[in-house]
Protein backbone atom coordinates (compact mmCIF):
# COMPACT_ATOMS: atom_id res chain seq x y z
CA MET A 1 43.41 21.74 2.29
CA GLY A 2 43.96 21.26 6.09
CA PHE A 3 47.17 19.66 7.73
CA PRO A 4 45.82 16.09 7.56
CA VAL A 5 45.06 16.38 3.88
CA ALA A 6 48.57 17.90 3.39
CA VAL A 7 50.24 15.02 5.03
CA GLY A 8 48.65 12.45 2.72
CA TYR A 9 49.42 14.58 -0.25
CA CYS A 10 53.24 14.75 0.85
CA PHE A 11 53.31 10.83 0.76
CA TRP A 12 51.44 10.81 -2.58
CA ARG A 13 53.71 13.34 -4.27
CA VAL A 14 57.05 12.72 -2.29
CA TRP A 15 57.23 16.17 -0.85
CA GLY A 16 59.12 16.46 2.30
CA VAL A 17 59.26 12.74 2.69
CA ARG A 18 61.96 10.08 1.65
CA ALA A 19 60.05 7.95 -0.67
CA LEU A 20 56.79 7.58 -2.50
CA ASP A 21 54.41 5.75 -0.11
CA ARG A 22 50.94 5.28 -1.37
CA ASP A 23 49.88 3.07 1.56
CA LYS A 24 50.68 5.95 4.04
CA ALA A 25 48.96 8.47 1.80
CA PHE A 26 45.93 6.33 1.80
CA LYS A 27 45.96 5.99 5.59
CA ALA A 28 46.31 9.82 5.88
CA PHE A 29 43.56 10.50 3.44
CA SER A 30 41.40 7.95 5.31
CA ALA A 31 41.84 9.60 8.55
CA ALA A 32 41.59 13.23 7.19
CA ALA A 33 38.17 12.06 5.52
CA GLU A 34 36.90 10.62 8.97
CA GLN A 35 37.68 14.33 10.24
CA GLY A 36 35.41 15.75 7.62
CA TYR A 37 37.86 16.96 5.06
CA THR A 38 36.11 16.91 1.68
CA LEU A 39 39.31 17.18 -0.35
CA ALA A 40 40.42 13.92 1.61
CA VAL A 41 37.39 12.14 0.30
CA VAL A 42 38.17 13.13 -3.33
CA PHE A 43 41.77 11.78 -2.95
CA LEU A 44 40.37 8.58 -1.44
CA GLY A 45 38.13 8.25 -4.50
CA HIS A 46 41.29 8.64 -6.67
CA CYS A 47 43.02 5.80 -4.55
CA TYR A 48 40.13 3.54 -5.15
CA GLU A 49 39.75 4.48 -8.77
CA TYR A 50 43.38 3.67 -9.58
CA GLY A 51 44.30 1.02 -7.06
CA LYS A 52 46.95 3.35 -5.19
CA GLY A 53 47.45 2.21 -1.66
CA VAL A 54 44.35 0.01 -1.85
CA LYS A 55 42.77 -2.55 -4.17
CA LYS A 56 41.24 -0.93 -7.22
CA ASN A 57 37.44 -0.53 -6.64
CA PRO A 58 35.81 1.78 -9.18
CA SER A 59 32.40 1.32 -7.35
CA LYS A 60 33.84 2.62 -4.29
CA ALA A 61 35.61 5.51 -6.12
CA VAL A 62 32.11 6.67 -7.51
CA GLU A 63 30.71 6.47 -4.07
CA LEU A 64 33.44 8.74 -2.61
CA TYR A 65 33.30 11.18 -5.32
CA THR A 66 29.47 11.48 -5.03
CA GLN A 67 29.96 11.97 -1.39
CA ALA A 68 32.48 14.70 -1.91
CA ALA A 69 30.18 16.57 -4.44
């Protein structure tokens, strides 16, 4: 998974953090995706697909899922 992705997932699932924070999760996934973590790209797609931490954008979600494939 990689540490940067794990940080985002902690904010996503409220593991080891005080509160659910989808905005911080989105930022962590974005940073991890820029570092080349494929799983982070998948999680970013999920954020865009469901509008979690970012405005809902199904087209962007498909683009990210395709990139990760």
